[in-house]
PDB file of N, CA and C in Angstrom:
ATOM      1  N   MET A   1     168.545 108.222  51.827  1.00  0.00           N
ATOM      2  CA  MET A   1     168.289 109.509  52.426  1.00  0.00           C
ATOM      3  C   MET A   1     167.805 110.448  51.323  1.00  0.00           C
ATOM      4  N   SER A   2     166.778 111.206  51.605  1.00  0.00           N
ATOM      5  CA  SER A   2     166.266 112.130  50.598  1.00  0.00           C
ATOM      6  C   SER A   2     166.821 113.522  50.850  1.00  0.00           C
ATOM      7  N   LYS A   3     166.913 114.282  49.800  1.00  0.00           N
ATOM      8  CA  LYS A   3     167.385 115.657  49.852  1.00  0.00           C
ATOM      9  C   LYS A   3     166.289 116.541  49.272  1.00  0.00           C
ATOM     10  N   VAL A   4     166.367 117.804  49.565  1.00  0.00           N
ATOM     11  CA  VAL A   4     165.365 118.744  49.082  1.00  0.00           C
ATOM     12  C   VAL A   4     165.990 119.649  48.030  1.00  0.00           C
ATOM     13  N   ILE A   5     165.291 119.820  46.924  1.00  0.00           N
ATOM     14  CA  ILE A   5     165.711 120.759  45.897  1.00  0.00           C
ATOM     15  C   ILE A   5     164.656 121.845  45.847  1.00  0.00           C
ATOM     16  N   HIS A   6     165.082 123.088  46.020  1.00  0.00           N
ATOM     17  CA  HIS A   6     164.141 124.207  46.028  1.00  0.00           C
ATOM     18  C   HIS A   6     164.010 124.771  44.619  1.00  0.00           C
ATOM     19  N   LEU A   7     162.777 124.847  44.168  1.00  0.00           N
ATOM     20  CA  LEU A   7     162.479 125.401  42.861  1.00  0.00           C
ATOM     21  C   LEU A   7     161.518 126.568  43.015  1.00  0.00           C
ATOM     22  N   PRO A   8     161.587 127.531  42.109  1.00  0.00           N
ATOM     23  CA  PRO A   8     160.553 128.571  42.113  1.00  0.00           C
ATOM     24  C   PRO A   8     159.188 127.923  41.868  1.00  0.00           C
ATOM     25  N   ALA A   9     158.143 128.577  42.310  1.00  0.00           N
ATOM     26  CA  ALA A   9     156.791 128.013  42.230  1.00  0.00           C
ATOM     27  C   ALA A   9     156.408 127.610  40.802  1.00  0.00           C
ATOM     28  N   LYS A  10     156.740 128.455  39.818  1.00  0.00           N
ATOM     29  CA  LYS A  10     156.387 128.144  38.427  1.00  0.00           C
ATOM     30  C   LYS A  10     157.135 126.897  37.942  1.00  0.00           C
ATOM     31  N   ALA A  11     158.418 126.819  38.256  1.00  0.00           N
ATOM     32  CA  ALA A  11     159.213 125.671  37.820  1.00  0.00           C
ATOM     33  C   ALA A  11     158.710 124.395  38.479  1.00  0.00           C
ATOM     34  N   HIS A  12     158.343 124.482  39.737  1.00  0.00           N
ATOM     35  CA  HIS A  12     157.827 123.309  40.447  1.00  0.00           C
ATOM     36  C   HIS A  12     156.515 122.844  39.820  1.00  0.00           C
ATOM     37  N   ALA A  13     155.644 123.796  39.496  1.00  0.00           N
ATOM     38  CA  ALA A  13     154.359 123.448  38.887  1.00  0.00           C
ATOM     39  C   ALA A  13     154.565 122.782  37.523  1.00  0.00           C
ATOM     40  N   ARG A  14     155.515 123.315  36.737  1.00  0.00           N
ATOM     41  CA  ARG A  14     155.795 122.717  35.418  1.00  0.00           C
ATOM     42  C   ARG A  14     156.370 121.315  35.566  1.00  0.00           C
ATOM     43  N   ALA A  15     157.290 121.142  36.513  1.00  0.00           N
ATOM     44  CA  ALA A  15     157.900 119.823  36.729  1.00  0.00           C
ATOM     45  C   ALA A  15     156.856 118.822  37.199  1.00  0.00           C
ATOM     46  N   LYS A  16     155.964 119.277  38.078  1.00  0.00           N
ATOM     47  CA  LYS A  16     154.912 118.394  38.584  1.00  0.00           C
ATOM     48  C   LYS A  16     153.984 117.960  37.453  1.00  0.00           C
ATOM     49  N   GLU A  17     153.632 118.903  36.589  1.00  0.00           N
ATOM     50  CA  GLU A  17     152.753 118.594  35.455  1.00  0.00           C
ATOM     51  C   GLU A  17     153.448 117.633  34.485  1.00  0.00           C
ATOM     52  N   PHE A  18     154.734 117.864  34.223  1.00  0.00           N
ATOM     53  CA  PHE A  18     155.504 116.987  33.341  1.00  0.00           C
ATOM     54  C   PHE A  18     155.518 115.562  33.881  1.00  0.00           C
ATOM     55  N   CYS A  19     155.788 115.421  35.168  1.00  0.00           N
ATOM     56  CA  CYS A  19     155.844 114.092  35.785  1.00  0.00           C
ATOM     57  C   CYS A  19     154.475 113.416  35.748  1.00  0.00           C
ATOM     58  N   LYS A  20     153.430 114.201  35.953  1.00  0.00           N
ATOM     59  CA  LYS A  20     152.078 113.640  35.921  1.00  0.00           C
ATOM     60  C   LYS A  20     151.744 113.126  34.521  1.00  0.00           C
ATOM     61  N   GLN A  21     152.126 113.895  33.490  1.00  0.00           N
ATOM     62  CA  GLN A  21     151.847 113.499  32.115  1.00  0.00           C
ATOM     63  C   GLN A  21     152.600 112.221  31.729  1.00  0.00           C
ATOM     64  N   HIS A  22     153.787 112.032  32.306  1.00  0.00           N
ATOM     65  CA  HIS A  22     154.621 110.886  31.946  1.00  0.00           C
ATOM     66  C   HIS A  22     154.569 109.780  33.003  1.00  0.00           C
ATOM     67  N   ASP A  23     153.616 109.891  33.916  1.00  0.00           N
ATOM     68  CA  ASP A  23     153.409 108.875  34.954  1.00  0.00           C
ATOM     69  C   ASP A  23     154.721 108.554  35.689  1.00  0.00           C
ATOM     70  N   MET A  24     155.371 109.625  36.183  1.00  0.00           N
ATOM     71  CA  MET A  24     156.647 109.486  36.886  1.00  0.00           C
ATOM     72  C   MET A  24     156.562 110.134  38.259  1.00  0.00           C
ATOM     73  N   LYS A  25     157.407 109.656  39.152  1.00  0.00           N
ATOM     74  CA  LYS A  25     157.566 110.336  40.431  1.00  0.00           C
ATOM     75  C   LYS A  25     158.606 111.431  40.225  1.00  0.00           C
ATOM     76  N   MET A  26     158.354 112.601  40.794  1.00  0.00           N
ATOM     77  CA  MET A  26     159.267 113.719  40.590  1.00  0.00           C
ATOM     78  C   MET A  26     160.669 113.403  41.111  1.00  0.00           C
ATOM     79  N   SER A  27     160.761 112.707  42.243  1.00  0.00           N
ATOM     80  CA  SER A  27     162.075 112.386  42.795  1.00  0.00           C
ATOM     81  C   SER A  27     162.872 111.493  41.850  1.00  0.00           C
ATOM     82  N   ASP A  28     162.193 110.548  41.200  1.00  0.00           N
ATOM     83  CA  ASP A  28     162.880 109.675  40.235  1.00  0.00           C
ATOM     84  C   ASP A  28     163.359 110.464  39.024  1.00  0.00           C
ATOM     85  N   TRP A  29     162.525 111.376  38.573  1.00  0.00           N
ATOM     86  CA  TRP A  29     162.876 112.189  37.405  1.00  0.00           C
ATOM     87  C   TRP A  29     164.076 113.074  37.706  1.00  0.00           C
ATOM     88  N   VAL A  30     164.069 113.716  38.852  1.00  0.00           N
ATOM     89  CA  VAL A  30     165.184 114.589  39.237  1.00  0.00           C
ATOM     90  C   VAL A  30     166.464 113.769  39.390  1.00  0.00           C
ATOM     91  N   THR A  31     166.350 112.583  39.962  1.00  0.00           N
ATOM     92  CA  THR A  31     167.513 111.703  40.099  1.00  0.00           C
ATOM     93  C   THR A  31     168.099 111.373  38.732  1.00  0.00           C
ATOM     94  N   THR A  32     167.225 111.085  37.787  1.00  0.00           N
ATOM     95  CA  THR A  32     167.681 110.786  36.429  1.00  0.00           C
ATOM     96  C   THR A  32     168.389 111.977  35.823  1.00  0.00           C
ATOM     97  N   LEU A  33     167.828 113.177  36.001  1.00  0.00           N
ATOM     98  CA  LEU A  33     168.452 114.390  35.459  1.00  0.00           C
ATOM     99  C   LEU A  33     169.835 114.613  36.059  1.00  0.00           C
ATOM    100  N   VAL A  34     169.954 114.427  37.363  1.00  0.00           N
ATOM    101  CA  VAL A  34     171.235 114.623  38.041  1.00  0.00           C
ATOM    102  C   VAL A  34     172.252 113.610  37.539  1.00  0.00           C
ATOM    103  N   ASN A  35     171.865 112.352  37.468  1.00  0.00           N
ATOM    104  CA  ASN A  35     172.791 111.313  37.003  1.00  0.00           C
ATOM    105  C   ASN A  35     173.231 111.550  35.557  1.00  0.00           C
ATOM    106  N   GLU A  36     172.311 111.950  34.683  1.00  0.00           N
ATOM    107  CA  GLU A  36     172.662 112.232  33.287  1.00  0.00           C
ATOM    108  C   GLU A  36     173.624 113.410  33.205  1.00  0.00           C
ATOM    109  N   ALA A  37     173.397 114.441  34.000  1.00  0.00           N
ATOM    110  CA  ALA A  37     174.284 115.605  33.985  1.00  0.00           C
ATOM    111  C   ALA A  37     175.688 115.218  34.446  1.00  0.00           C
ATOM    112  N   ILE A  38     175.776 114.356  35.445  1.00  0.00           N
ATOM    113  CA  ILE A  38     177.083 113.915  35.935  1.00  0.00           C
ATOM    114  C   ILE A  38     177.772 113.054  34.880  1.00  0.00           C
ATOM    115  N   ASP A  39     177.020 112.170  34.253  1.00  0.00           N
ATOM    116  CA  ASP A  39     177.592 111.303  33.225  1.00  0.00           C
ATOM    117  C   ASP A  39     178.120 112.105  32.037  1.00  0.00           C
ATOM    118  N   ARG A  40     177.450 113.180  31.696  1.00  0.00           N
ATOM    119  CA  ARG A  40     177.886 114.018  30.573  1.00  0.00           C
ATOM    120  C   ARG A  40     178.937 115.025  31.008  1.00  0.00           C
ATOM    121  N   SER A  41     179.223 115.066  32.294  1.00  0.00           N
ATOM    122  CA  SER A  41     180.189 116.018  32.854  1.00  0.00           C
ATOM    123  C   SER A  41     179.796 117.457  32.540  1.00  0.00           C
ATOM    124  N   VAL A  42     178.533 117.755  32.719  1.00  0.00           N
ATOM    125  CA  VAL A  42     178.047 119.111  32.509  1.00  0.00           C
ATOM    126  C   VAL A  42     178.506 119.954  33.695  1.00  0.00           C
ATOM    127  N   PRO A  43     179.267 121.016  33.425  1.00  0.00           N
ATOM    128  CA  PRO A  43     179.714 121.841  34.550  1.00  0.00           C
ATOM    129  C   PRO A  43     178.546 122.596  35.156  1.00  0.00           C
ATOM    130  N   SER A  44     178.643 122.837  36.440  1.00  0.00           N
ATOM    131  CA  SER A  44     177.589 123.590  37.102  1.00  0.00           C
ATOM    132  C   SER A  44     177.682 125.051  36.679  1.00  0.00           C
ATOM    133  N   PRO A  45     176.561 125.761  36.674  1.00  0.00           N
ATOM    134  CA  PRO A  45     176.596 127.162  36.276  1.00  0.00           C
ATOM    135  C   PRO A  45     177.433 127.978  37.251  1.00  0.00           C
ATOM    136  N   VAL A  46     178.118 128.968  36.714  1.00  0.00           N
ATOM    137  CA  VAL A  46     178.949 129.833  37.548  1.00  0.00           C
ATOM    138  C   VAL A  46     178.071 130.944  38.103  1.00  0.00           C
ATOM    139  N   VAL A  47     178.105 131.091  39.397  1.00  0.00           N
ATOM    140  CA  VAL A  47     177.325 132.138  40.057  1.00  0.00           C
ATOM    141  C   VAL A  47     178.278 133.256  40.437  1.00  0.00           C
ATOM    142  N   THR A  48     178.003 134.435  39.940  1.00  0.00           N
ATOM    143  CA  THR A  48     178.850 135.573  40.285  1.00  0.00           C
ATOM    144  C   THR A  48     178.187 136.363  41.401  1.00  0.00           C
ATOM    145  N   VAL A  49     179.010 136.854  42.289  1.00  0.00           N
ATOM    146  CA  VAL A  49     178.510 137.632  43.417  1.00  0.00           C
ATOM    147  C   VAL A  49     178.959 139.063  43.231  1.00  0.00           C
ATOM    148  N   ASP A  50     178.012 139.971  43.273  1.00  0.00           N
ATOM    149  CA  ASP A  50     178.321 141.393  43.161  1.00  0.00           C
ATOM    150  C   ASP A  50     178.820 141.874  44.514  1.00  0.00           C
ATOM    151  N   GLU A  51     180.102 142.178  44.590  1.00  0.00           N
ATOM    152  CA  GLU A  51     180.704 142.583  45.858  1.00  0.00           C
ATOM    153  C   GLU A  51     180.134 143.901  46.362  1.00  0.00           C
ATOM    154  N   GLY A  52     179.628 144.737  45.468  1.00  0.00           N
ATOM    155  CA  GLY A  52     179.086 146.028  45.882  1.00  0.00           C
ATOM    156  C   GLY A  52     177.748 145.918  46.581  1.00  0.00           C
ATOM    157  N   SER A  53     177.113 144.753  46.496  1.00  0.00           N
ATOM    158  CA  SER A  53     175.777 144.613  47.076  1.00  0.00           C
ATOM    159  C   SER A  53     175.798 143.942  48.439  1.00  0.00           C
ATOM    160  N   THR A  54     176.973 143.826  49.049  1.00  0.00           N
ATOM    161  CA  THR A  54     177.027 143.193  50.361  1.00  0.00           C
ATOM    162  C   THR A  54     176.328 144.062  51.387  1.00  0.00           C
ATOM    163  N   LEU A  55     175.673 143.419  52.314  1.00  0.00           N
ATOM    164  CA  LEU A  55     174.934 144.145  53.328  1.00  0.00           C
ATOM    165  C   LEU A  55     175.870 144.677  54.396  1.00  0.00           C
ATOM    166  N   LYS A  56     175.581 145.845  54.866  1.00  0.00           N
ATOM    167  CA  LYS A  56     176.354 146.434  55.947  1.00  0.00           C
ATOM    168  C   LYS A  56     175.717 146.028  57.264  1.00  0.00           C
ATOM    169  N   LYS A  57     176.548 145.743  58.237  1.00  0.00           N
ATOM    170  CA  LYS A  57     176.019 145.402  59.548  1.00  0.00           C
ATOM    171  C   LYS A  57     175.636 146.682  60.281  1.00  0.00           C
ATOM    172  N   LYS A  58     174.489 146.631  60.913  1.00  0.00           N
ATOM    173  CA  LYS A  58     174.034 147.775  61.694  1.00  0.00           C
ATOM    174  C   LYS A  58     174.723 147.725  63.054  1.00  0.00           C
ATOM    175  N   ILE A  59     175.314 148.829  63.433  1.00  0.00           N
ATOM    176  CA  ILE A  59     175.982 148.899  64.725  1.00  0.00           C
ATOM    177  C   ILE A  59     174.924 149.192  65.786  1.00  0.00           C
ATOM    178  N   LEU A  60     174.828 148.290  66.747  1.00  0.00           N
ATOM    179  CA  LEU A  60     173.844 148.450  67.803  1.00  0.00           C
ATOM    180  C   LEU A  60     174.408 149.319  68.914  1.00  0.00           C
ATOM    181  N   SER A  61     173.527 150.077  69.528  1.00  0.00           N
ATOM    182  CA  SER A  61     173.981 150.906  70.641  1.00  0.00           C
ATOM    183  C   SER A  61     174.202 150.021  71.864  1.00  0.00           C
ATOM    184  N   LYS A  62     175.131 150.418  72.690  1.00  0.00           N
ATOM    185  CA  LYS A  62     175.425 149.636  73.888  1.00  0.00           C
ATOM    186  C   LYS A  62     174.302 149.815  74.891  1.00  0.00           C
ATOM    187  N   LEU A  63     174.116 148.818  75.726  1.00  0.00           N
ATOM    188  CA  LEU A  63     173.047 148.846  76.711  1.00  0.00           C
ATOM    189  C   LEU A  63     173.210 150.030  77.651  1.00  0.00           C
ATOM    190  N   SER A  64     174.444 150.414  77.920  1.00  0.00           N
ATOM    191  CA  SER A  64     174.678 151.543  78.819  1.00  0.00           C
ATOM    192  C   SER A  64     174.249 152.864  78.184  1.00  0.00           C
ATOM    193  N   ASN A  65     174.055 152.882  76.862  1.00  0.00           N
ATOM    194  CA  ASN A  65     173.625 154.100  76.184  1.00  0.00           C
ATOM    195  C   ASN A  65     172.104 154.214  76.096  1.00  0.00           C
ATOM    196  N   VAL A  66     171.386 153.230  76.644  1.00  0.00           N
ATOM    197  CA  VAL A  66     169.927 153.262  76.612  1.00  0.00           C
ATOM    198  C   VAL A  66     169.456 154.394  77.515  1.00  0.00           C
ATOM    199  N   PRO A  67     168.566 155.248  77.008  1.00  0.00           N
ATOM    200  CA  PRO A  67     168.118 156.370  77.840  1.00  0.00           C
ATOM    201  C   PRO A  67     167.401 155.893  79.104  1.00  0.00           C
ATOM    202  N   GLN A  68     167.617 156.626  80.158  1.00  0.00           N
ATOM    203  CA  GLN A  68     166.966 156.301  81.419  1.00  0.00           C
ATOM    204  C   GLN A  68     165.746 157.194  81.591  1.00  0.00           C
ATOM    205  N   THR A  69     164.817 156.748  82.407  1.00  0.00           N
ATOM    206  CA  THR A  69     163.619 157.540  82.660  1.00  0.00           C
ATOM    207  C   THR A  69     163.948 158.640  83.659  1.00  0.00           C
ATOM    208  N   ALA A  70     162.989 159.488  83.923  1.00  0.00           N
ATOM    209  CA  ALA A  70     163.201 160.630  84.808  1.00  0.00           C
ATOM    210  C   ALA A  70     163.600 160.204  86.223  1.00  0.00           C
ATOM    211  N   ASP A  71     163.165 159.027  86.657  1.00  0.00           N
ATOM    212  CA  ASP A  71     163.511 158.580  88.005  1.00  0.00           C
ATOM    213  C   ASP A  71     164.882 157.906  88.056  1.00  0.00           C
ATOM    214  N   GLY A  72     165.607 157.865  86.909  1.00  0.00           N
ATOM    215  CA  GLY A  72     166.956 157.326  86.896  1.00  0.00           C
ATOM    216  C   GLY A  72     167.039 155.824  86.686  1.00  0.00           C
ATOM    217  N   VAL A  73     165.905 155.163  86.530  1.00  0.00           N
ATOM    218  CA  VAL A  73     165.899 153.713  86.329  1.00  0.00           C
ATOM    219  C   VAL A  73     165.900 153.444  84.824  1.00  0.00           C
ATOM    220  N   PRO A  74     166.839 152.618  84.343  1.00  0.00           N
ATOM    221  CA  PRO A  74     166.852 152.314  82.906  1.00  0.00           C
ATOM    222  C   PRO A  74     165.544 151.637  82.483  1.00  0.00           C
ATOM    223  N   LEU A  75     165.153 151.871  81.244  1.00  0.00           N
ATOM    224  CA  LEU A  75     163.890 151.324  80.740  1.00  0.00           C
ATOM    225  C   LEU A  75     163.854 149.805  80.824  1.00  0.00           C
ATOM    226  N   TYR A  76     165.008 149.136  80.611  1.00  0.00           N
ATOM    227  CA  TYR A  76     165.015 147.681  80.640  1.00  0.00           C
ATOM    228  C   TYR A  76     164.839 147.115  82.038  1.00  0.00           C
ATOM    229  N   GLU A  77     164.949 147.933  83.079  1.00  0.00           N
ATOM    230  CA  GLU A  77     164.748 147.466  84.444  1.00  0.00           C
ATOM    231  C   GLU A  77     163.344 147.761  84.959  1.00  0.00           C
ATOM    232  N   LYS A  78     162.574 148.541  84.217  1.00  0.00           N
ATOM    233  CA  LYS A  78     161.226 148.901  84.660  1.00  0.00           C
ATOM    234  C   LYS A  78     160.243 147.775  84.336  1.00  0.00           C
ATOM    235  N   ALA A  79     159.165 147.748  85.074  1.00  0.00           N
ATOM    236  CA  ALA A  79     158.102 146.768  84.830  1.00  0.00           C
ATOM    237  C   ALA A  79     157.402 147.095  83.512  1.00  0.00           C
ATOM    238  N   PRO A  80     156.818 146.100  82.858  1.00  0.00           N
ATOM    239  CA  PRO A  80     156.067 146.349  81.621  1.00  0.00           C
ATOM    240  C   PRO A  80     154.904 147.311  81.891  1.00  0.00           C
ATOM    241  N   PHE A  81     154.450 147.966  80.820  1.00  0.00           N
ATOM    242  CA  PHE A  81     153.420 148.989  80.982  1.00  0.00           C
ATOM    243  C   PHE A  81     152.159 148.463  81.645  1.00  0.00           C
ATOM    244  N   TRP A  82     151.828 147.189  81.436  1.00  0.00           N
ATOM    245  CA  TRP A  82     150.585 146.659  82.035  1.00  0.00           C
ATOM    246  C   TRP A  82     150.742 146.347  83.522  1.00  0.00           C
ATOM    247  N   LYS A  83     151.948 146.407  84.043  1.00  0.00           N
ATOM    248  CA  LYS A  83     152.160 146.144  85.452  1.00  0.00           C
ATOM    249  C   LYS A  83     152.470 147.428  86.210  1.00  0.00           C
ATOM    250  N   LYS A  84     152.486 148.570  85.518  1.00  0.00           N
ATOM    251  CA  LYS A  84     152.794 149.836  86.174  1.00  0.00           C
ATOM    252  C   LYS A  84     151.648 150.190  87.135  1.00  0.00           C
ATOM    253  N   GLY A  85     151.980 150.828  88.182  1.00  0.00           N
ATOM    254  CA  GLY A  85     150.976 151.243  89.142  1.00  0.00           C
ATOM    255  C   GLY A  85     151.622 151.542  90.467  1.00  0.00           C
ATOM    256  N   ASN A  86     150.829 151.913  91.422  1.00  0.00           N
ATOM    257  CA  ASN A  86     151.339 152.224  92.750  1.00  0.00           C
ATOM    258  C   ASN A  86     151.263 150.971  93.607  1.00  0.00           C
ATOM    259  N   SER A  87     152.195 150.074  93.425  1.00  0.00           N
ATOM    260  CA  SER A  87     152.182 148.857  94.215  1.00  0.00           C
ATOM    261  C   SER A  87     153.316 148.804  95.171  1.00  0.00           C
TER     262      SER A  87
END
């Protein structure tokens, strides 16, 4: 089973060029790098998360708070603008 590793465009281009110069398939090269890192017990980099940068959820208005038109019909119940007319 194959897996996908996402690289920035520049890193991908450099890796592709490296593999081309050494007549290697990129998947084989990456596999070798992963296996060597595991064999050497290289710890994975620690990623810190800035708690202050968490996104706030936007509170949506309730459907009952949607403004109604002058005839008292809510906008979501009216026909689309291209179907409006005296029918």
